[in-house]
Amino acid sequence: MITNETLKIIKQRRSIRSYKDEQIKDEELQTILEAGLYAPHAGDQAWHFTVVQNRELLSRLNLAAKEVARQMEMEHFKQLGSDEKFDCLYGAPTLIIVSGNEQYPVPLDADCAAAMENMLIAAESVGLGSCWIYFVLMAFYSPQGAELRKELKIPEGYRPYDSAVFGYKKGPAPEAPERKPNLITYIR
């Protein structure tokens, strides 16, 4: 198999769910954001990145998301929403939300996901932990959702599609699980 530094980083990246209290350095944040800006897209870069490093606001996002989760029919979400100790951001000091322009004619979920994936790989390459988080996006469907969008300065007409947390890993990364067999079909 061919291997290089990029492939090594992709294979070693894991979702980290325990972070040190220390905020990431500005140059590390800029590296992550630049990687997101260079992601493949449908031609117009119709995305917007919101960086949240304010602990009080991170806490409010967690609480708003949990409020929505408690109302959901899925028992798993209800349990997480009701768990006072559960922090959907895992104590990470930085959250990045990727929003897409809903007026753009091409579906933006793939563009926003590509930007987020680039940021996750960039974080690993500079020694940071990261975790892709869906749960926190439920905060935008809470009674405080419109207020949160405004406070986060998400542009009018943009929808939050993806989010992830970033920080210094508190411990070692988990081992990579075995890859499932039979996930590839070759037609030659």
C-alpha atoms as a PDB file:
ATOM      1  CA  MET A   1       0.000   0.000   0.000  1.00  0.00           C
ATOM      2  CA  ILE A   2       1.097   3.558  -0.686  1.00  0.00           C
ATOM      3  CA  THR A   3       1.531   5.642   2.432  1.00  0.00           C
ATOM      4  CA  ASN A   4       2.489   9.229   3.174  1.00  0.00           C
ATOM      5  CA  GLU A   5       2.043  11.773   5.976  1.00  0.00           C
ATOM      6  CA  THR A   6      -1.464  12.781   4.867  1.00  0.00           C
ATOM      7  CA  LEU A   7      -2.708   9.182   4.816  1.00  0.00           C
ATOM      8  CA  LYS A   8      -1.062   8.542   8.190  1.00  0.00           C
ATOM      9  CA  ILE A   9      -2.905  11.530   9.731  1.00  0.00           C
ATOM     10  CA  ILE A  10      -6.238  10.402   8.230  1.00  0.00           C
ATOM     11  CA  LYS A  11      -5.791   6.917   9.702  1.00  0.00           C
ATOM     12  CA  GLN A  12      -4.753   8.108  13.170  1.00  0.00           C
ATOM     13  CA  ARG A  13      -7.487  10.756  13.648  1.00  0.00           C
ATOM     14  CA  ARG A  14     -10.123   9.733  16.191  1.00  0.00           C
ATOM     15  CA  SER A  15     -13.080  11.422  17.843  1.00  0.00           C
ATOM     16  CA  ILE A  16     -11.821  12.825  21.134  1.00  0.00           C
ATOM     17  CA  ARG A  17     -14.301  13.248  23.969  1.00  0.00           C
ATOM     18  CA  SER A  18     -12.051  14.548  26.764  1.00  0.00           C
ATOM     19  CA  TYR A  19     -10.167  17.851  26.597  1.00  0.00           C
ATOM     20  CA  LYS A  20      -7.806  19.948  28.676  1.00  0.00           C
ATOM     21  CA  ASP A  21      -9.142  23.315  29.873  1.00  0.00           C
ATOM     22  CA  GLU A  22      -6.444  25.186  27.931  1.00  0.00           C
ATOM     23  CA  GLN A  23      -7.611  27.167  24.879  1.00  0.00           C
ATOM     24  CA  ILE A  24      -6.001  26.300  21.544  1.00  0.00           C
ATOM     25  CA  LYS A  25      -3.433  28.717  20.122  1.00  0.00           C
ATOM     26  CA  ASP A  26      -4.524  31.267  17.513  1.00  0.00           C
ATOM     27  CA  GLU A  27      -2.076  29.928  14.915  1.00  0.00           C
ATOM     28  CA  GLU A  28      -3.540  26.421  15.364  1.00  0.00           C
ATOM     29  CA  LEU A  29      -7.066  27.804  14.953  1.00  0.00           C
ATOM     30  CA  GLN A  30      -6.061  29.715  11.815  1.00  0.00           C
ATOM     31  CA  THR A  31      -4.484  26.551  10.355  1.00  0.00           C
ATOM     32  CA  ILE A  32      -7.711  24.631  10.952  1.00  0.00           C
ATOM     33  CA  LEU A  33      -9.894  27.360   9.440  1.00  0.00           C
ATOM     34  CA  GLU A  34      -7.649  27.739   6.392  1.00  0.00           C
ATOM     35  CA  ALA A  35      -7.889  23.979   5.776  1.00  0.00           C
ATOM     36  CA  GLY A  36     -11.677  24.338   5.825  1.00  0.00           C
ATOM     37  CA  LEU A  37     -11.554  27.192   3.318  1.00  0.00           C
ATOM     38  CA  TYR A  38      -9.571  25.006   0.910  1.00  0.00           C
ATOM     39  CA  ALA A  39     -12.117  22.159   0.929  1.00  0.00           C
ATOM     40  CA  PRO A  40     -13.745  21.102  -2.339  1.00  0.00           C
ATOM     41  CA  HIS A  41     -17.016  22.908  -3.063  1.00  0.00           C
ATOM     42  CA  ALA A  42     -19.597  23.322  -5.803  1.00  0.00           C
ATOM     43  CA  GLY A  43     -18.016  26.530  -7.036  1.00  0.00           C
ATOM     44  CA  ASP A  44     -19.087  29.402  -4.830  1.00  0.00           C
ATOM     45  CA  GLN A  45     -17.733  28.722  -1.319  1.00  0.00           C
ATOM     46  CA  ALA A  46     -21.300  29.332  -0.062  1.00  0.00           C
ATOM     47  CA  TRP A  47     -20.364  28.559   3.535  1.00  0.00           C
ATOM     48  CA  HIS A  48     -19.665  30.520   6.688  1.00  0.00           C
ATOM     49  CA  PHE A  49     -17.569  29.399   9.669  1.00  0.00           C
ATOM     50  CA  THR A  50     -18.463  30.484  13.203  1.00  0.00           C
ATOM     51  CA  VAL A  51     -15.832  30.007  15.919  1.00  0.00           C
ATOM     52  CA  VAL A  52     -17.124  29.893  19.493  1.00  0.00           C
ATOM     53  CA  GLN A  53     -14.595  30.080  22.327  1.00  0.00           C
ATOM     54  CA  ASN A  54     -16.774  31.786  24.942  1.00  0.00           C
ATOM     55  CA  ARG A  55     -17.362  29.243  27.760  1.00  0.00           C
ATOM     56  CA  GLU A  56     -20.672  30.775  28.848  1.00  0.00           C
ATOM     57  CA  LEU A  57     -22.037  30.636  25.297  1.00  0.00           C
ATOM     58  CA  LEU A  58     -20.777  27.060  24.842  1.00  0.00           C
ATOM     59  CA  SER A  59     -22.655  26.128  28.014  1.00  0.00           C
ATOM     60  CA  ARG A  60     -25.859  27.771  26.770  1.00  0.00           C
ATOM     61  CA  LEU A  61     -25.601  25.921  23.443  1.00  0.00           C
ATOM     62  CA  ASN A  62     -25.225  22.637  25.336  1.00  0.00           C
ATOM     63  CA  LEU A  63     -28.275  23.379  27.521  1.00  0.00           C
ATOM     64  CA  ALA A  64     -30.431  24.470  24.556  1.00  0.00           C
ATOM     65  CA  ALA A  65     -29.523  21.324  22.603  1.00  0.00           C
ATOM     66  CA  LYS A  66     -30.348  19.154  25.622  1.00  0.00           C
ATOM     67  CA  GLU A  67     -33.709  20.917  25.959  1.00  0.00           C
ATOM     68  CA  VAL A  68     -34.595  19.868  22.399  1.00  0.00           C
ATOM     69  CA  ALA A  69     -33.254  16.327  22.933  1.00  0.00           C
ATOM     70  CA  ARG A  70     -35.562  15.811  25.913  1.00  0.00           C
ATOM     71  CA  GLN A  71     -38.549  16.426  23.609  1.00  0.00           C
ATOM     72  CA  MET A  72     -37.488  13.934  20.942  1.00  0.00           C
ATOM     73  CA  GLU A  73     -39.087  10.537  20.449  1.00  0.00           C
ATOM     74  CA  MET A  74     -35.781   8.666  20.306  1.00  0.00           C
ATOM     75  CA  GLU A  75     -35.083   7.321  23.779  1.00  0.00           C
ATOM     76  CA  HIS A  76     -31.315   7.733  23.363  1.00  0.00           C
ATOM     77  CA  PHE A  77     -31.673  11.495  22.794  1.00  0.00           C
ATOM     78  CA  LYS A  78     -34.177  11.824  25.648  1.00  0.00           C
ATOM     79  CA  GLN A  79     -31.716  10.161  28.004  1.00  0.00           C
ATOM     80  CA  LEU A  80     -28.820  12.388  26.933  1.00  0.00           C
ATOM     81  CA  GLY A  81     -30.991  15.487  27.232  1.00  0.00           C
ATOM     82  CA  SER A  82     -32.026  14.487  30.742  1.00  0.00           C
ATOM     83  CA  ASP A  83     -28.512  13.618  31.925  1.00  0.00           C
ATOM     84  CA  GLU A  84     -27.305  16.593  33.988  1.00  0.00           C
ATOM     85  CA  LYS A  85     -23.678  15.508  33.591  1.00  0.00           C
ATOM     86  CA  PHE A  86     -23.791  15.128  29.789  1.00  0.00           C
ATOM     87  CA  ASP A  87     -21.944  17.880  27.923  1.00  0.00           C
ATOM     88  CA  CYS A  88     -22.450  17.470  24.185  1.00  0.00           C
ATOM     89  CA  LEU A  89     -19.267  19.517  23.645  1.00  0.00           C
ATOM     90  CA  TYR A  90     -17.197  17.282  25.949  1.00  0.00           C
ATOM     91  CA  GLY A  91     -15.609  20.262  27.686  1.00  0.00           C
ATOM     92  CA  ALA A  92     -13.740  21.327  24.546  1.00  0.00           C
ATOM     93  CA  PRO A  93     -12.683  24.991  24.501  1.00  0.00           C
ATOM     94  CA  THR A  94     -13.464  25.633  20.815  1.00  0.00           C
ATOM     95  CA  LEU A  95     -16.531  24.908  18.690  1.00  0.00           C
ATOM     96  CA  ILE A  96     -16.653  25.570  14.943  1.00  0.00           C
ATOM     97  CA  ILE A  97     -20.024  25.660  13.181  1.00  0.00           C
ATOM     98  CA  VAL A  98     -20.188  25.444   9.393  1.00  0.00           C
ATOM     99  CA  SER A  99     -23.294  27.060   7.909  1.00  0.00           C
ATOM    100  CA  GLY A 100     -24.372  27.076   4.274  1.00  0.00           C
ATOM    101  CA  ASN A 101     -26.246  29.662   2.213  1.00  0.00           C
ATOM    102  CA  GLU A 102     -29.735  28.218   1.739  1.00  0.00           C
ATOM    103  CA  GLN A 103     -30.274  30.365  -1.394  1.00  0.00           C
ATOM    104  CA  TYR A 104     -27.458  28.584  -3.216  1.00  0.00           C
ATOM    105  CA  PRO A 105     -28.914  26.282  -5.938  1.00  0.00           C
ATOM    106  CA  VAL A 106     -26.666  23.307  -5.111  1.00  0.00           C
ATOM    107  CA  PRO A 107     -27.270  21.308  -1.897  1.00  0.00           C
ATOM    108  CA  LEU A 108     -24.665  22.489   0.597  1.00  0.00           C
ATOM    109  CA  ASP A 109     -24.542  19.525   2.957  1.00  0.00           C
ATOM    110  CA  ALA A 110     -21.657  17.972   1.000  1.00  0.00           C
ATOM    111  CA  ASP A 111     -19.734  21.263   0.729  1.00  0.00           C
ATOM    112  CA  CYS A 112     -20.068  21.958   4.456  1.00  0.00           C
ATOM    113  CA  ALA A 113     -19.134  18.361   5.324  1.00  0.00           C
ATOM    114  CA  ALA A 114     -16.031  18.561   3.121  1.00  0.00           C
ATOM    115  CA  ALA A 115     -14.951  21.766   4.895  1.00  0.00           C
ATOM    116  CA  MET A 116     -15.489  20.134   8.291  1.00  0.00           C
ATOM    117  CA  GLU A 117     -13.533  17.013   7.304  1.00  0.00           C
ATOM    118  CA  ASN A 118     -10.599  19.171   6.192  1.00  0.00           C
ATOM    119  CA  MET A 119     -10.673  20.947   9.562  1.00  0.00           C
ATOM    120  CA  LEU A 120     -10.742  17.648  11.492  1.00  0.00           C
ATOM    121  CA  ILE A 121      -7.728  16.327   9.573  1.00  0.00           C
ATOM    122  CA  ALA A 122      -5.874  19.644   9.975  1.00  0.00           C
ATOM    123  CA  ALA A 123      -6.493  19.542  13.729  1.00  0.00           C
ATOM    124  CA  GLU A 124      -4.947  16.084  13.967  1.00  0.00           C
ATOM    125  CA  SER A 125      -1.981  17.214  11.869  1.00  0.00           C
ATOM    126  CA  VAL A 126      -1.133  19.940  14.417  1.00  0.00           C
ATOM    127  CA  GLY A 127      -1.655  17.661  17.430  1.00  0.00           C
ATOM    128  CA  LEU A 128      -5.160  18.736  18.451  1.00  0.00           C
ATOM    129  CA  GLY A 129      -8.130  16.563  19.264  1.00  0.00           C
ATOM    130  CA  SER A 130     -11.490  17.000  17.579  1.00  0.00           C
ATOM    131  CA  CYS A 131     -14.954  15.503  17.490  1.00  0.00           C
ATOM    132  CA  TRP A 132     -17.667  16.023  14.883  1.00  0.00           C
ATOM    133  CA  ILE A 133     -20.814  16.948  16.835  1.00  0.00           C
ATOM    134  CA  TYR A 134     -24.389  16.807  15.537  1.00  0.00           C
ATOM    135  CA  PHE A 135     -26.082  17.104  18.941  1.00  0.00           C
ATOM    136  CA  VAL A 136     -25.251  20.782  19.493  1.00  0.00           C
ATOM    137  CA  LEU A 137     -27.007  21.766  16.253  1.00  0.00           C
ATOM    138  CA  MET A 138     -30.296  20.887  17.953  1.00  0.00           C
ATOM    139  CA  ALA A 139     -29.835  24.132  19.924  1.00  0.00           C
ATOM    140  CA  PHE A 140     -30.977  26.007  16.806  1.00  0.00           C
ATOM    141  CA  TYR A 141     -34.379  24.271  17.052  1.00  0.00           C
ATOM    142  CA  SER A 142     -34.863  25.327  20.676  1.00  0.00           C
ATOM    143  CA  PRO A 143     -36.939  28.326  21.767  1.00  0.00           C
ATOM    144  CA  GLN A 144     -33.619  30.224  21.970  1.00  0.00           C
ATOM    145  CA  GLY A 145     -32.598  29.152  18.435  1.00  0.00           C
ATOM    146  CA  ALA A 146     -33.208  32.458  16.658  1.00  0.00           C
ATOM    147  CA  GLU A 147     -31.486  34.372  19.460  1.00  0.00           C
ATOM    148  CA  LEU A 148     -28.501  32.003  19.336  1.00  0.00           C
ATOM    149  CA  ARG A 149     -28.165  32.405  15.551  1.00  0.00           C
ATOM    150  CA  LYS A 150     -28.126  36.167  16.026  1.00  0.00           C
ATOM    151  CA  GLU A 151     -25.631  36.037  18.896  1.00  0.00           C
ATOM    152  CA  LEU A 152     -23.371  33.721  16.876  1.00  0.00           C
ATOM    153  CA  LYS A 153     -23.602  36.112  13.907  1.00  0.00           C
ATOM    154  CA  ILE A 154     -24.686  33.351  11.533  1.00  0.00           C
ATOM    155  CA  PRO A 155     -25.550  35.276   8.358  1.00  0.00           C
ATOM    156  CA  GLU A 156     -29.200  35.684   7.417  1.00  0.00           C
ATOM    157  CA  GLY A 157     -30.244  32.898   5.040  1.00  0.00           C
ATOM    158  CA  TYR A 158     -27.529  30.512   6.257  1.00  0.00           C
ATOM    159  CA  ARG A 159     -28.293  27.201   7.961  1.00  0.00           C
ATOM    160  CA  PRO A 160     -25.904  25.430  10.359  1.00  0.00           C
ATOM    161  CA  TYR A 161     -25.045  22.090   8.730  1.00  0.00           C
ATOM    162  CA  ASP A 162     -22.021  20.799  10.659  1.00  0.00           C
ATOM    163  CA  SER A 163     -20.104  21.448  13.839  1.00  0.00           C
ATOM    164  CA  ALA A 164     -17.084  20.083  15.644  1.00  0.00           C
ATOM    165  CA  VAL A 165     -15.158  20.749  18.818  1.00  0.00           C
ATOM    166  CA  PHE A 166     -11.396  21.225  19.025  1.00  0.00           C
ATOM    167  CA  GLY A 167      -8.890  21.229  21.861  1.00  0.00           C
ATOM    168  CA  TYR A 168      -5.893  19.585  23.459  1.00  0.00           C
ATOM    169  CA  LYS A 169      -6.436  15.907  24.151  1.00  0.00           C
ATOM    170  CA  LYS A 170      -6.680  15.053  27.839  1.00  0.00           C
ATOM    171  CA  GLY A 171      -5.428  11.505  27.288  1.00  0.00           C
ATOM    172  CA  PRO A 172      -4.381   9.145  24.528  1.00  0.00           C
ATOM    173  CA  ALA A 173      -6.610   8.749  21.495  1.00  0.00           C
ATOM    174  CA  PRO A 174      -8.638   5.548  21.329  1.00  0.00           C
ATOM    175  CA  GLU A 175      -7.428   2.744  19.099  1.00  0.00           C
ATOM    176  CA  ALA A 176      -8.890   2.562  15.615  1.00  0.00           C
ATOM    177  CA  PRO A 177     -11.600  -0.075  15.381  1.00  0.00           C
ATOM    178  CA  GLU A 178     -11.202  -2.802  12.812  1.00  0.00           C
ATOM    179  CA  ARG A 179     -12.592  -1.830   9.444  1.00  0.00           C
ATOM    180  CA  LYS A 180     -15.713  -3.768   8.480  1.00  0.00           C
ATOM    181  CA  PRO A 181     -15.250  -6.253   5.644  1.00  0.00           C
ATOM    182  CA  ASN A 182     -17.114  -6.147   2.349  1.00  0.00           C
ATOM    183  CA  LEU A 183     -17.598  -2.396   2.185  1.00  0.00           C
ATOM    184  CA  ILE A 184     -16.025  -2.067  -1.254  1.00  0.00           C
ATOM    185  CA  THR A 185     -17.283  -3.417  -4.563  1.00  0.00           C
ATOM    186  CA  TYR A 186     -15.022  -3.307  -7.625  1.00  0.00           C
ATOM    187  CA  ILE A 187     -16.530  -3.126 -11.101  1.00  0.00           C
ATOM    188  CA  ARG A 188     -13.733  -3.399 -13.644  1.00  0.00           C
END
